[in-house]
């Protein structure tokens, strides 16, 4: 079973995202960028769902740190944001995100994006 790490500081949304994906994937959750970087090494996820707005360290910063570490640089990252600005989208891709989802989103959209990004990595 593929592993997904969800990084979200809104605990209600975190629980919702976990519920949307737990039937298909093994899930781990954290609520900060610092925890995310630690958990990536412990949990070894196949994909990270990464909120942009996190306390202390933004999702952009987490993404940049992952991309700079050769051991984990190929890890697929899907960024989630409530910011609907072109600059945020641009910054997400510039920091190394594979995909970007605007909040709010449906369970079907989240499931489809996660599946598509994971399947893209197999080849």
PDB file of N, CA and C in Angstrom:
ATOM      1  N   UNK A   1       0.846  -1.189   0.000  1.00  0.00           N
ATOM      2  CA  UNK A   1       0.000   0.000   0.000  1.00  0.00           C
ATOM      3  C   UNK A   1       0.887   1.246   0.000  1.00  0.00           C
ATOM      4  N   UNK A   2       0.578   2.181  -0.888  1.00  0.00           N
ATOM      5  CA  UNK A   2       1.340   3.432  -0.971  1.00  0.00           C
ATOM      6  C   UNK A   2       1.110   4.268   0.288  1.00  0.00           C
ATOM      7  N   UNK A   3       2.123   5.064   0.631  1.00  0.00           N
ATOM      8  CA  UNK A   3       2.070   5.896   1.834  1.00  0.00           C
ATOM      9  C   UNK A   3       1.949   7.368   1.467  1.00  0.00           C
ATOM     10  N   UNK A   4       1.048   8.066   2.183  1.00  0.00           N
ATOM     11  CA  UNK A   4       0.855   9.501   1.968  1.00  0.00           C
ATOM     12  C   UNK A   4       1.031  10.225   3.300  1.00  0.00           C
ATOM     13  N   UNK A   5       1.871  11.240   3.293  1.00  0.00           N
ATOM     14  CA  UNK A   5       2.051  12.101   4.461  1.00  0.00           C
ATOM     15  C   UNK A   5       1.236  13.367   4.238  1.00  0.00           C
ATOM     16  N   UNK A   6       0.321  13.666   5.177  1.00  0.00           N
ATOM     17  CA  UNK A   6      -0.493  14.872   5.096  1.00  0.00           C
ATOM     18  C   UNK A   6       0.060  15.891   6.089  1.00  0.00           C
ATOM     19  N   UNK A   7       0.382  17.081   5.600  1.00  0.00           N
ATOM     20  CA  UNK A   7       0.921  18.164   6.418  1.00  0.00           C
ATOM     21  C   UNK A   7      -0.092  19.306   6.389  1.00  0.00           C
ATOM     22  N   UNK A   8      -0.796  19.489   7.504  1.00  0.00           N
ATOM     23  CA  UNK A   8      -1.890  20.466   7.567  1.00  0.00           C
ATOM     24  C   UNK A   8      -2.050  20.922   9.009  1.00  0.00           C
ATOM     25  N   UNK A   9      -2.061  22.253   9.246  1.00  0.00           N
ATOM     26  CA  UNK A   9      -2.196  22.754  10.615  1.00  0.00           C
ATOM     27  C   UNK A   9      -3.647  22.948  11.043  1.00  0.00           C
ATOM     28  N   UNK A  10      -4.586  22.907  10.105  1.00  0.00           N
ATOM     29  CA  UNK A  10      -6.011  22.967  10.438  1.00  0.00           C
ATOM     30  C   UNK A  10      -6.456  21.537  10.738  1.00  0.00           C
ATOM     31  N   UNK A  11      -6.671  21.232  12.023  1.00  0.00           N
ATOM     32  CA  UNK A  11      -6.911  19.852  12.425  1.00  0.00           C
ATOM     33  C   UNK A  11      -8.199  19.266  11.849  1.00  0.00           C
ATOM     34  N   UNK A  12      -9.215  20.092  11.642  1.00  0.00           N
ATOM     35  CA  UNK A  12     -10.445  19.594  11.015  1.00  0.00           C
ATOM     36  C   UNK A  12     -10.183  19.186   9.573  1.00  0.00           C
ATOM     37  N   UNK A  13      -9.468  20.025   8.855  1.00  0.00           N
ATOM     38  CA  UNK A  13      -9.137  19.723   7.463  1.00  0.00           C
ATOM     39  C   UNK A  13      -8.196  18.519   7.382  1.00  0.00           C
ATOM     40  N   UNK A  14      -7.280  18.431   8.315  1.00  0.00           N
ATOM     41  CA  UNK A  14      -6.367  17.295   8.379  1.00  0.00           C
ATOM     42  C   UNK A  14      -7.149  15.985   8.508  1.00  0.00           C
ATOM     43  N   UNK A  15      -8.116  15.960   9.405  1.00  0.00           N
ATOM     44  CA  UNK A  15      -8.944  14.765   9.601  1.00  0.00           C
ATOM     45  C   UNK A  15      -9.762  14.459   8.342  1.00  0.00           C
ATOM     46  N   UNK A  16     -10.266  15.499   7.704  1.00  0.00           N
ATOM     47  CA  UNK A  16     -11.051  15.329   6.485  1.00  0.00           C
ATOM     48  C   UNK A  16     -10.195  14.747   5.358  1.00  0.00           C
ATOM     49  N   UNK A  17      -9.009  15.290   5.169  1.00  0.00           N
ATOM     50  CA  UNK A  17      -8.106  14.794   4.128  1.00  0.00           C
ATOM     51  C   UNK A  17      -7.731  13.336   4.398  1.00  0.00           C
ATOM     52  N   UNK A  18      -7.460  13.029   5.661  1.00  0.00           N
ATOM     53  CA  UNK A  18      -7.125  11.656   6.028  1.00  0.00           C
ATOM     54  C   UNK A  18      -8.292  10.720   5.703  1.00  0.00           C
ATOM     55  N   UNK A  19      -9.502  11.131   6.051  1.00  0.00           N
ATOM     56  CA  UNK A  19     -10.686  10.310   5.777  1.00  0.00           C
ATOM     57  C   UNK A  19     -10.874  10.089   4.266  1.00  0.00           C
ATOM     58  N   UNK A  20     -10.557  11.097   3.470  1.00  0.00           N
ATOM     59  CA  UNK A  20     -10.712  10.997   2.016  1.00  0.00           C
ATOM     60  C   UNK A  20      -9.744   9.982   1.395  1.00  0.00           C
ATOM     61  N   UNK A  21      -8.617   9.747   2.049  1.00  0.00           N
ATOM     62  CA  UNK A  21      -7.563   8.933   1.438  1.00  0.00           C
ATOM     63  C   UNK A  21      -7.263   7.606   2.136  1.00  0.00           C
ATOM     64  N   UNK A  22      -7.744   7.417   3.367  1.00  0.00           N
ATOM     65  CA  UNK A  22      -7.279   6.269   4.160  1.00  0.00           C
ATOM     66  C   UNK A  22      -7.717   4.900   3.638  1.00  0.00           C
ATOM     67  N   UNK A  23      -8.730   4.855   2.793  1.00  0.00           N
ATOM     68  CA  UNK A  23      -9.141   3.555   2.240  1.00  0.00           C
ATOM     69  C   UNK A  23      -8.135   3.042   1.213  1.00  0.00           C
ATOM     70  N   UNK A  24      -7.470   3.972   0.532  1.00  0.00           N
ATOM     71  CA  UNK A  24      -6.557   3.596  -0.551  1.00  0.00           C
ATOM     72  C   UNK A  24      -5.072   3.631  -0.162  1.00  0.00           C
ATOM     73  N   UNK A  25      -4.752   4.398   0.905  1.00  0.00           N
ATOM     74  CA  UNK A  25      -3.343   4.635   1.228  1.00  0.00           C
ATOM     75  C   UNK A  25      -3.089   4.526   2.720  1.00  0.00           C
ATOM     76  N   UNK A  26      -1.847   4.213   3.065  1.00  0.00           N
ATOM     77  CA  UNK A  26      -1.417   4.295   4.455  1.00  0.00           C
ATOM     78  C   UNK A  26      -1.107   5.770   4.712  1.00  0.00           C
ATOM     79  N   UNK A  27      -1.694   6.322   5.773  1.00  0.00           N
ATOM     80  CA  UNK A  27      -1.606   7.763   6.025  1.00  0.00           C
ATOM     81  C   UNK A  27      -0.831   8.058   7.309  1.00  0.00           C
ATOM     82  N   UNK A  28      -0.003   9.091   7.249  1.00  0.00           N
ATOM     83  CA  UNK A  28       0.593   9.682   8.451  1.00  0.00           C
ATOM     84  C   UNK A  28       0.267  11.168   8.381  1.00  0.00           C
ATOM     85  N   UNK A  29       0.110  11.794   9.547  1.00  0.00           N
ATOM     86  CA  UNK A  29      -0.245  13.211   9.568  1.00  0.00           C
ATOM     87  C   UNK A  29       0.664  13.977  10.525  1.00  0.00           C
ATOM     88  N   UNK A  30       0.957  15.208  10.149  1.00  0.00           N
ATOM     89  CA  UNK A  30       1.683  16.144  11.001  1.00  0.00           C
ATOM     90  C   UNK A  30       1.095  17.531  10.767  1.00  0.00           C
ATOM     91  N   UNK A  31       1.384  18.464  11.686  1.00  0.00           N
ATOM     92  CA  UNK A  31       0.760  19.777  11.570  1.00  0.00           C
ATOM     93  C   UNK A  31       1.748  20.936  11.449  1.00  0.00           C
ATOM     94  N   UNK A  32       3.020  20.632  11.186  1.00  0.00           N
ATOM     95  CA  UNK A  32       3.990  21.715  10.986  1.00  0.00           C
ATOM     96  C   UNK A  32       5.057  21.298   9.985  1.00  0.00           C
ATOM     97  N   UNK A  33       5.726  22.292   9.439  1.00  0.00           N
ATOM     98  CA  UNK A  33       6.798  22.027   8.489  1.00  0.00           C
ATOM     99  C   UNK A  33       7.961  21.268   9.099  1.00  0.00           C
ATOM    100  N   UNK A  34       8.312  21.618  10.337  1.00  0.00           N
ATOM    101  CA  UNK A  34       9.413  20.942  11.014  1.00  0.00           C
ATOM    102  C   UNK A  34       9.093  19.463  11.195  1.00  0.00           C
ATOM    103  N   UNK A  35       7.861  19.182  11.645  1.00  0.00           N
ATOM    104  CA  UNK A  35       7.438  17.790  11.823  1.00  0.00           C
ATOM    105  C   UNK A  35       7.439  17.057  10.485  1.00  0.00           C
ATOM    106  N   UNK A  36       7.049  17.746   9.430  1.00  0.00           N
ATOM    107  CA  UNK A  36       7.005  17.130   8.104  1.00  0.00           C
ATOM    108  C   UNK A  36       8.381  16.640   7.689  1.00  0.00           C
ATOM    109  N   UNK A  37       9.390  17.488   7.871  1.00  0.00           N
ATOM    110  CA  UNK A  37      10.745  17.104   7.468  1.00  0.00           C
ATOM    111  C   UNK A  37      11.235  15.895   8.256  1.00  0.00           C
ATOM    112  N   UNK A  38      10.914  15.831   9.546  1.00  0.00           N
ATOM    113  CA  UNK A  38      11.290  14.661  10.352  1.00  0.00           C
ATOM    114  C   UNK A  38      10.530  13.420   9.897  1.00  0.00           C
ATOM    115  N   UNK A  39       9.229  13.573   9.685  1.00  0.00           N
ATOM    116  CA  UNK A  39       8.369  12.433   9.360  1.00  0.00           C
ATOM    117  C   UNK A  39       8.705  11.842   7.992  1.00  0.00           C
ATOM    118  N   UNK A  40       9.155  12.662   7.076  1.00  0.00           N
ATOM    119  CA  UNK A  40       9.523  12.157   5.752  1.00  0.00           C
ATOM    120  C   UNK A  40      10.594  11.074   5.877  1.00  0.00           C
ATOM    121  N   UNK A  41      11.555  11.285   6.760  1.00  0.00           N
ATOM    122  CA  UNK A  41      12.627  10.300   6.928  1.00  0.00           C
ATOM    123  C   UNK A  41      12.158   9.057   7.677  1.00  0.00           C
ATOM    124  N   UNK A  42      11.259   9.220   8.658  1.00  0.00           N
ATOM    125  CA  UNK A  42      10.767   8.088   9.449  1.00  0.00           C
ATOM    126  C   UNK A  42       9.739   7.255   8.687  1.00  0.00           C
ATOM    127  N   UNK A  43       8.772   7.926   8.090  1.00  0.00           N
ATOM    128  CA  UNK A  43       7.618   7.272   7.460  1.00  0.00           C
ATOM    129  C   UNK A  43       7.906   6.837   6.022  1.00  0.00           C
ATOM    130  N   UNK A  44       8.821   7.537   5.354  1.00  0.00           N
ATOM    131  CA  UNK A  44       9.173   7.285   3.957  1.00  0.00           C
ATOM    132  C   UNK A  44       7.935   7.249   3.050  1.00  0.00           C
ATOM    133  N   UNK A  45       7.224   8.373   2.969  1.00  0.00           N
ATOM    134  CA  UNK A  45       6.004   8.410   2.155  1.00  0.00           C
ATOM    135  C   UNK A  45       6.307   8.331   0.661  1.00  0.00           C
ATOM    136  N   UNK A  46       5.288   7.917  -0.083  1.00  0.00           N
ATOM    137  CA  UNK A  46       5.383   7.912  -1.546  1.00  0.00           C
ATOM    138  C   UNK A  46       4.937   9.250  -2.115  1.00  0.00           C
ATOM    139  N   UNK A  47       4.240  10.047  -1.268  1.00  0.00           N
ATOM    140  CA  UNK A  47       3.738  11.354  -1.689  1.00  0.00           C
ATOM    141  C   UNK A  47       3.474  12.194  -0.443  1.00  0.00           C
ATOM    142  N   UNK A  48       3.678  13.508  -0.562  1.00  0.00           N
ATOM    143  CA  UNK A  48       3.384  14.433   0.528  1.00  0.00           C
ATOM    144  C   UNK A  48       2.305  15.405   0.071  1.00  0.00           C
ATOM    145  N   UNK A  49       1.223  15.522   0.865  1.00  0.00           N
ATOM    146  CA  UNK A  49       0.220  16.575   0.686  1.00  0.00           C
ATOM    147  C   UNK A  49       0.625  17.678   1.632  1.00  0.00           C
ATOM    148  N   UNK A  50       0.978  18.825   1.115  1.00  0.00           N
ATOM    149  CA  UNK A  50       1.632  19.867   1.895  1.00  0.00           C
ATOM    150  C   UNK A  50       0.858  21.180   1.847  1.00  0.00           C
ATOM    151  N   UNK A  51       0.333  21.590   2.996  1.00  0.00           N
ATOM    152  CA  UNK A  51      -0.349  22.882   3.089  1.00  0.00           C
ATOM    153  C   UNK A  51       0.685  23.993   2.915  1.00  0.00           C
ATOM    154  N   UNK A  52       0.292  25.070   2.261  1.00  0.00           N
ATOM    155  CA  UNK A  52       1.204  26.197   2.050  1.00  0.00           C
ATOM    156  C   UNK A  52       1.394  26.994   3.338  1.00  0.00           C
ATOM    157  N   UNK A  53       0.295  27.345   4.005  1.00  0.00           N
ATOM    158  CA  UNK A  53       0.369  28.194   5.191  1.00  0.00           C
ATOM    159  C   UNK A  53       0.492  27.348   6.453  1.00  0.00           C
ATOM    160  N   UNK A  54       1.706  27.231   6.932  1.00  0.00           N
ATOM    161  CA  UNK A  54       2.002  26.474   8.143  1.00  0.00           C
ATOM    162  C   UNK A  54       2.711  27.399   9.128  1.00  0.00           C
ATOM    163  N   UNK A  55       2.600  27.102  10.437  1.00  0.00           N
ATOM    164  CA  UNK A  55       3.303  27.937  11.416  1.00  0.00           C
ATOM    165  C   UNK A  55       4.824  27.776  11.294  1.00  0.00           C
ATOM    166  N   UNK A  56       5.551  28.819  11.509  1.00  0.00           N
ATOM    167  CA  UNK A  56       7.018  28.892  11.517  1.00  0.00           C
ATOM    168  C   UNK A  56       7.657  28.661  10.151  1.00  0.00           C
ATOM    169  N   UNK A  57       7.417  27.511   9.541  1.00  0.00           N
ATOM    170  CA  UNK A  57       8.034  27.174   8.256  1.00  0.00           C
ATOM    171  C   UNK A  57       6.928  26.918   7.231  1.00  0.00           C
ATOM    172  N   UNK A  58       6.888  27.703   6.159  1.00  0.00           N
ATOM    173  CA  UNK A  58       5.821  27.552   5.168  1.00  0.00           C
ATOM    174  C   UNK A  58       5.986  26.265   4.359  1.00  0.00           C
ATOM    175  N   UNK A  59       4.918  25.889   3.694  1.00  0.00           N
ATOM    176  CA  UNK A  59       4.982  24.740   2.798  1.00  0.00           C
ATOM    177  C   UNK A  59       6.001  24.949   1.686  1.00  0.00           C
ATOM    178  N   UNK A  60       6.135  26.200   1.218  1.00  0.00           N
ATOM    179  CA  UNK A  60       7.142  26.504   0.198  1.00  0.00           C
ATOM    180  C   UNK A  60       8.544  26.174   0.707  1.00  0.00           C
ATOM    181  N   UNK A  61       8.821  26.565   1.963  1.00  0.00           N
ATOM    182  CA  UNK A  61      10.141  26.295   2.546  1.00  0.00           C
ATOM    183  C   UNK A  61      10.385  24.798   2.712  1.00  0.00           C
ATOM    184  N   UNK A  62       9.365  24.072   3.146  1.00  0.00           N
ATOM    185  CA  UNK A  62       9.488  22.615   3.290  1.00  0.00           C
ATOM    186  C   UNK A  62       9.800  21.997   1.929  1.00  0.00           C
ATOM    187  N   UNK A  63       9.064  22.408   0.921  1.00  0.00           N
ATOM    188  CA  UNK A  63       9.253  21.884  -0.430  1.00  0.00           C
ATOM    189  C   UNK A  63      10.681  22.156  -0.924  1.00  0.00           C
ATOM    190  N   UNK A  64      11.170  23.364  -0.695  1.00  0.00           N
ATOM    191  CA  UNK A  64      12.527  23.710  -1.119  1.00  0.00           C
ATOM    192  C   UNK A  64      13.570  22.851  -0.406  1.00  0.00           C
ATOM    193  N   UNK A  65      13.374  22.605   0.889  1.00  0.00           N
ATOM    194  CA  UNK A  65      14.317  21.773   1.645  1.00  0.00           C
ATOM    195  C   UNK A  65      14.321  20.333   1.124  1.00  0.00           C
ATOM    196  N   UNK A  66      13.148  19.817   0.816  1.00  0.00           N
ATOM    197  CA  UNK A  66      13.050  18.458   0.263  1.00  0.00           C
ATOM    198  C   UNK A  66      13.788  18.392  -1.074  1.00  0.00           C
ATOM    199  N   UNK A  67      13.562  19.359  -1.927  1.00  0.00           N
ATOM    200  CA  UNK A  67      14.186  19.351  -3.260  1.00  0.00           C
ATOM    201  C   UNK A  67      15.710  19.484  -3.206  1.00  0.00           C
ATOM    202  N   UNK A  68      16.235  20.087  -2.143  1.00  0.00           N
ATOM    203  CA  UNK A  68      17.690  20.259  -2.014  1.00  0.00           C
ATOM    204  C   UNK A  68      18.389  19.042  -1.421  1.00  0.00           C
ATOM    205  N   UNK A  69      17.624  18.092  -0.862  1.00  0.00           N
ATOM    206  CA  UNK A  69      18.210  16.910  -0.232  1.00  0.00           C
ATOM    207  C   UNK A  69      18.193  15.749  -1.226  1.00  0.00           C
ATOM    208  N   UNK A  70      19.362  15.324  -1.711  1.00  0.00           N
ATOM    209  CA  UNK A  70      19.402  14.266  -2.726  1.00  0.00           C
ATOM    210  C   UNK A  70      18.691  12.971  -2.302  1.00  0.00           C
ATOM    211  N   UNK A  71      18.649  12.690  -1.017  1.00  0.00           N
ATOM    212  CA  UNK A  71      18.018  11.453  -0.539  1.00  0.00           C
ATOM    213  C   UNK A  71      16.504  11.445  -0.745  1.00  0.00           C
ATOM    214  N   UNK A  72      15.888  12.637  -0.790  1.00  0.00           N
ATOM    215  CA  UNK A  72      14.425  12.710  -0.888  1.00  0.00           C
ATOM    216  C   UNK A  72      13.949  13.658  -1.986  1.00  0.00           C
ATOM    217  N   UNK A  73      14.862  14.136  -2.803  1.00  0.00           N
ATOM    218  CA  UNK A  73      14.528  15.192  -3.766  1.00  0.00           C
ATOM    219  C   UNK A  73      13.481  14.793  -4.802  1.00  0.00           C
ATOM    220  N   UNK A  74      13.309  13.509  -5.056  1.00  0.00           N
ATOM    221  CA  UNK A  74      12.339  13.054  -6.065  1.00  0.00           C
ATOM    222  C   UNK A  74      10.958  12.794  -5.464  1.00  0.00           C
ATOM    223  N   UNK A  75      10.798  12.997  -4.176  1.00  0.00           N
ATOM    224  CA  UNK A  75       9.530  12.749  -3.498  1.00  0.00           C
ATOM    225  C   UNK A  75       8.426  13.625  -4.077  1.00  0.00           C
ATOM    226  N   UNK A  76       7.320  13.032  -4.558  1.00  0.00           N
ATOM    227  CA  UNK A  76       6.228  13.843  -5.098  1.00  0.00           C
ATOM    228  C   UNK A  76       5.570  14.701  -4.012  1.00  0.00           C
ATOM    229  N   UNK A  77       5.334  15.966  -4.334  1.00  0.00           N
ATOM    230  CA  UNK A  77       4.704  16.899  -3.392  1.00  0.00           C
ATOM    231  C   UNK A  77       3.522  17.577  -4.072  1.00  0.00           C
ATOM    232  N   UNK A  78       2.360  17.464  -3.433  1.00  0.00           N
ATOM    233  CA  UNK A  78       1.158  18.157  -3.879  1.00  0.00           C
ATOM    234  C   UNK A  78       0.873  19.230  -2.847  1.00  0.00           C
ATOM    235  N   UNK A  79       0.903  20.488  -3.269  1.00  0.00           N
ATOM    236  CA  UNK A  79       0.659  21.599  -2.351  1.00  0.00           C
ATOM    237  C   UNK A  79      -0.822  21.949  -2.324  1.00  0.00           C
ATOM    238  N   UNK A  80      -1.313  22.254  -1.121  1.00  0.00           N
ATOM    239  CA  UNK A  80      -2.705  22.640  -0.909  1.00  0.00           C
ATOM    240  C   UNK A  80      -2.736  24.062  -0.382  1.00  0.00           C
ATOM    241  N   UNK A  81      -3.617  24.874  -0.946  1.00  0.00           N
ATOM    242  CA  UNK A  81      -3.692  26.247  -0.460  1.00  0.00           C
ATOM    243  C   UNK A  81      -5.084  26.844  -0.589  1.00  0.00           C
ATOM    244  N   UNK A  82      -5.362  27.755   0.308  1.00  0.00           N
ATOM    245  CA  UNK A  82      -6.576  28.548   0.230  1.00  0.00           C
ATOM    246  C   UNK A  82      -6.318  29.846  -0.516  1.00  0.00           C
ATOM    247  N   UNK A  83      -5.049  30.111  -0.831  1.00  0.00           N
ATOM    248  CA  UNK A  83      -4.680  31.321  -1.564  1.00  0.00           C
ATOM    249  C   UNK A  83      -4.985  31.111  -3.036  1.00  0.00           C
ATOM    250  N   UNK A  84      -5.801  31.975  -3.596  1.00  0.00           N
ATOM    251  CA  UNK A  84      -6.142  31.848  -5.002  1.00  0.00           C
ATOM    252  C   UNK A  84      -5.472  32.964  -5.794  1.00  0.00           C
ATOM    253  N   UNK A  85      -4.168  33.048  -5.653  1.00  0.00           N
ATOM    254  CA  UNK A  85      -3.413  34.084  -6.353  1.00  0.00           C
ATOM    255  C   UNK A  85      -2.423  33.431  -7.314  1.00  0.00           C
ATOM    256  N   UNK A  86      -2.243  34.038  -8.436  1.00  0.00           N
ATOM    257  CA  UNK A  86      -1.298  33.511  -9.420  1.00  0.00           C
ATOM    258  C   UNK A  86       0.110  33.434  -8.833  1.00  0.00           C
ATOM    259  N   UNK A  87       0.456  34.418  -7.972  1.00  0.00           N
ATOM    260  CA  UNK A  87       1.802  34.419  -7.372  1.00  0.00           C
ATOM    261  C   UNK A  87       2.010  33.186  -6.495  1.00  0.00           C
ATOM    262  N   UNK A  88       0.964  32.789  -5.753  1.00  0.00           N
ATOM    263  CA  UNK A  88       1.082  31.610  -4.888  1.00  0.00           C
ATOM    264  C   UNK A  88       1.280  30.356  -5.732  1.00  0.00           C
ATOM    265  N   UNK A  89       0.541  30.255  -6.814  1.00  0.00           N
ATOM    266  CA  UNK A  89       0.678  29.115  -7.718  1.00  0.00           C
ATOM    267  C   UNK A  89       2.088  29.072  -8.290  1.00  0.00           C
ATOM    268  N   UNK A  90       2.552  30.212  -8.746  1.00  0.00           N
ATOM    269  CA  UNK A  90       3.892  30.311  -9.305  1.00  0.00           C
ATOM    270  C   UNK A  90       4.947  29.935  -8.269  1.00  0.00           C
ATOM    271  N   UNK A  91       4.799  30.466  -7.053  1.00  0.00           N
ATOM    272  CA  UNK A  91       5.764  30.165  -5.989  1.00  0.00           C
ATOM    273  C   UNK A  91       5.761  28.682  -5.648  1.00  0.00           C
ATOM    274  N   UNK A  92       4.587  28.065  -5.677  1.00  0.00           N
ATOM    275  CA  UNK A  92       4.485  26.631  -5.404  1.00  0.00           C
ATOM    276  C   UNK A  92       5.278  25.812  -6.396  1.00  0.00           C
ATOM    277  N   UNK A  93       5.121  26.110  -7.666  1.00  0.00           N
ATOM    278  CA  UNK A  93       5.860  25.370  -8.681  1.00  0.00           C
ATOM    279  C   UNK A  93       7.351  25.700  -8.643  1.00  0.00           C
ATOM    280  N   UNK A  94       7.682  26.968  -8.378  1.00  0.00           N
ATOM    281  CA  UNK A  94       9.088  27.353  -8.287  1.00  0.00           C
ATOM    282  C   UNK A  94       9.790  26.667  -7.114  1.00  0.00           C
ATOM    283  N   UNK A  95       9.055  26.381  -6.045  1.00  0.00           N
ATOM    284  CA  UNK A  95       9.666  25.718  -4.896  1.00  0.00           C
ATOM    285  C   UNK A  95       9.792  24.215  -5.110  1.00  0.00           C
ATOM    286  N   UNK A  96       9.190  23.707  -6.201  1.00  0.00           N
ATOM    287  CA  UNK A  96       9.386  22.302  -6.546  1.00  0.00           C
ATOM    288  C   UNK A  96       8.156  21.419  -6.431  1.00  0.00           C
ATOM    289  N   UNK A  97       6.988  21.995  -6.245  1.00  0.00           N
ATOM    290  CA  UNK A  97       5.765  21.185  -6.141  1.00  0.00           C
ATOM    291  C   UNK A  97       5.468  20.499  -7.473  1.00  0.00           C
ATOM    292  N   UNK A  98       4.926  19.290  -7.380  1.00  0.00           N
ATOM    293  CA  UNK A  98       4.532  18.550  -8.579  1.00  0.00           C
ATOM    294  C   UNK A  98       3.127  18.932  -9.034  1.00  0.00           C
ATOM    295  N   UNK A  99       2.293  19.317  -8.077  1.00  0.00           N
ATOM    296  CA  UNK A  99       0.905  19.651  -8.375  1.00  0.00           C
ATOM    297  C   UNK A  99       0.428  20.619  -7.309  1.00  0.00           C
ATOM    298  N   UNK A 100      -0.656  21.308  -7.613  1.00  0.00           N
ATOM    299  CA  UNK A 100      -1.180  22.348  -6.741  1.00  0.00           C
ATOM    300  C   UNK A 100      -2.686  22.196  -6.695  1.00  0.00           C
ATOM    301  N   UNK A 101      -3.286  22.167  -5.510  1.00  0.00           N
ATOM    302  CA  UNK A 101      -4.741  22.087  -5.367  1.00  0.00           C
ATOM    303  C   UNK A 101      -5.213  23.274  -4.536  1.00  0.00           C
ATOM    304  N   UNK A 102      -6.197  24.007  -5.059  1.00  0.00           N
ATOM    305  CA  UNK A 102      -6.797  25.105  -4.298  1.00  0.00           C
ATOM    306  C   UNK A 102      -7.882  24.575  -3.370  1.00  0.00           C
ATOM    307  N   UNK A 103      -7.938  25.133  -2.165  1.00  0.00           N
ATOM    308  CA  UNK A 103      -9.012  24.821  -1.217  1.00  0.00           C
ATOM    309  C   UNK A 103     -10.175  25.763  -1.493  1.00  0.00           C
ATOM    310  N   UNK A 104     -11.397  25.362  -1.301  1.00  0.00           N
ATOM    311  CA  UNK A 104     -11.810  24.002  -0.928  1.00  0.00           C
ATOM    312  C   UNK A 104     -11.758  23.081  -2.146  1.00  0.00           C
ATOM    313  N   UNK A 105     -11.665  21.784  -1.886  1.00  0.00           N
ATOM    314  CA  UNK A 105     -11.620  20.794  -2.958  1.00  0.00           C
ATOM    315  C   UNK A 105     -12.505  19.617  -2.563  1.00  0.00           C
ATOM    316  N   UNK A 106     -12.923  18.862  -3.555  1.00  0.00           N
ATOM    317  CA  UNK A 106     -13.771  17.695  -3.304  1.00  0.00           C
ATOM    318  C   UNK A 106     -12.904  16.476  -3.021  1.00  0.00           C
ATOM    319  N   UNK A 107     -13.512  15.475  -2.400  1.00  0.00           N
ATOM    320  CA  UNK A 107     -12.812  14.216  -2.164  1.00  0.00           C
ATOM    321  C   UNK A 107     -12.374  13.605  -3.490  1.00  0.00           C
ATOM    322  N   UNK A 108     -13.243  13.673  -4.494  1.00  0.00           N
ATOM    323  CA  UNK A 108     -12.902  13.093  -5.802  1.00  0.00           C
ATOM    324  C   UNK A 108     -11.690  13.780  -6.410  1.00  0.00           C
ATOM    325  N   UNK A 109     -11.614  15.090  -6.288  1.00  0.00           N
ATOM    326  CA  UNK A 109     -10.469  15.813  -6.857  1.00  0.00           C
ATOM    327  C   UNK A 109      -9.186  15.418  -6.134  1.00  0.00           C
ATOM    328  N   UNK A 110      -9.226  15.402  -4.808  1.00  0.00           N
ATOM    329  CA  UNK A 110      -8.034  15.034  -4.044  1.00  0.00           C
ATOM    330  C   UNK A 110      -7.591  13.620  -4.397  1.00  0.00           C
ATOM    331  N   UNK A 111      -8.517  12.685  -4.424  1.00  0.00           N
ATOM    332  CA  UNK A 111      -8.191  11.294  -4.743  1.00  0.00           C
ATOM    333  C   UNK A 111      -7.617  11.172  -6.154  1.00  0.00           C
ATOM    334  N   UNK A 112      -8.204  11.889  -7.105  1.00  0.00           N
ATOM    335  CA  UNK A 112      -7.732  11.826  -8.490  1.00  0.00           C
ATOM    336  C   UNK A 112      -6.328  12.394  -8.636  1.00  0.00           C
ATOM    337  N   UNK A 113      -6.063  13.512  -7.978  1.00  0.00           N
ATOM    338  CA  UNK A 113      -4.738  14.131  -8.068  1.00  0.00           C
ATOM    339  C   UNK A 113      -3.682  13.234  -7.421  1.00  0.00           C
ATOM    340  N   UNK A 114      -3.971  12.708  -6.241  1.00  0.00           N
ATOM    341  CA  UNK A 114      -3.017  11.828  -5.557  1.00  0.00           C
ATOM    342  C   UNK A 114      -2.715  10.608  -6.434  1.00  0.00           C
ATOM    343  N   UNK A 115      -3.751   9.996  -6.969  1.00  0.00           N
ATOM    344  CA  UNK A 115      -3.567   8.825  -7.831  1.00  0.00           C
ATOM    345  C   UNK A 115      -2.734   9.175  -9.060  1.00  0.00           C
ATOM    346  N   UNK A 116      -3.055  10.277  -9.710  1.00  0.00           N
ATOM    347  CA  UNK A 116      -2.344  10.674 -10.925  1.00  0.00           C
ATOM    348  C   UNK A 116      -0.868  10.946 -10.657  1.00  0.00           C
ATOM    349  N   UNK A 117      -0.582  11.662  -9.574  1.00  0.00           N
ATOM    350  CA  UNK A 117       0.816  11.984  -9.252  1.00  0.00           C
ATOM    351  C   UNK A 117       1.587  10.706  -8.897  1.00  0.00           C
ATOM    352  N   UNK A 118       0.969   9.812  -8.142  1.00  0.00           N
ATOM    353  CA  UNK A 118       1.647   8.550  -7.787  1.00  0.00           C
ATOM    354  C   UNK A 118       1.880   7.688  -9.021  1.00  0.00           C
ATOM    355  N   UNK A 119       0.909   7.613  -9.924  1.00  0.00           N
ATOM    356  CA  UNK A 119       1.083   6.799 -11.128  1.00  0.00           C
ATOM    357  C   UNK A 119       2.148   7.377 -12.034  1.00  0.00           C
ATOM    358  N   UNK A 120       2.260   8.687 -12.079  1.00  0.00           N
ATOM    359  CA  UNK A 120       3.273   9.356 -12.892  1.00  0.00           C
ATOM    360  C   UNK A 120       4.683   8.977 -12.389  1.00  0.00           C
ATOM    361  N   UNK A 121       4.816   8.755 -11.098  1.00  0.00           N
ATOM    362  CA  UNK A 121       6.127   8.460 -10.515  1.00  0.00           C
ATOM    363  C   UNK A 121       6.583   7.035 -10.788  1.00  0.00           C
ATOM    364  N   UNK A 122       5.655   6.125 -11.068  1.00  0.00           N
ATOM    365  CA  UNK A 122       5.993   4.718 -11.256  1.00  0.00           C
ATOM    366  C   UNK A 122       6.887   4.502 -12.461  1.00  0.00           C
ATOM    367  N   UNK A 123       6.560   5.182 -13.567  1.00  0.00           N
ATOM    368  CA  UNK A 123       7.328   4.988 -14.814  1.00  0.00           C
ATOM    369  C   UNK A 123       8.672   5.572 -14.665  1.00  0.00           C
TER     370      UNK A 123
END
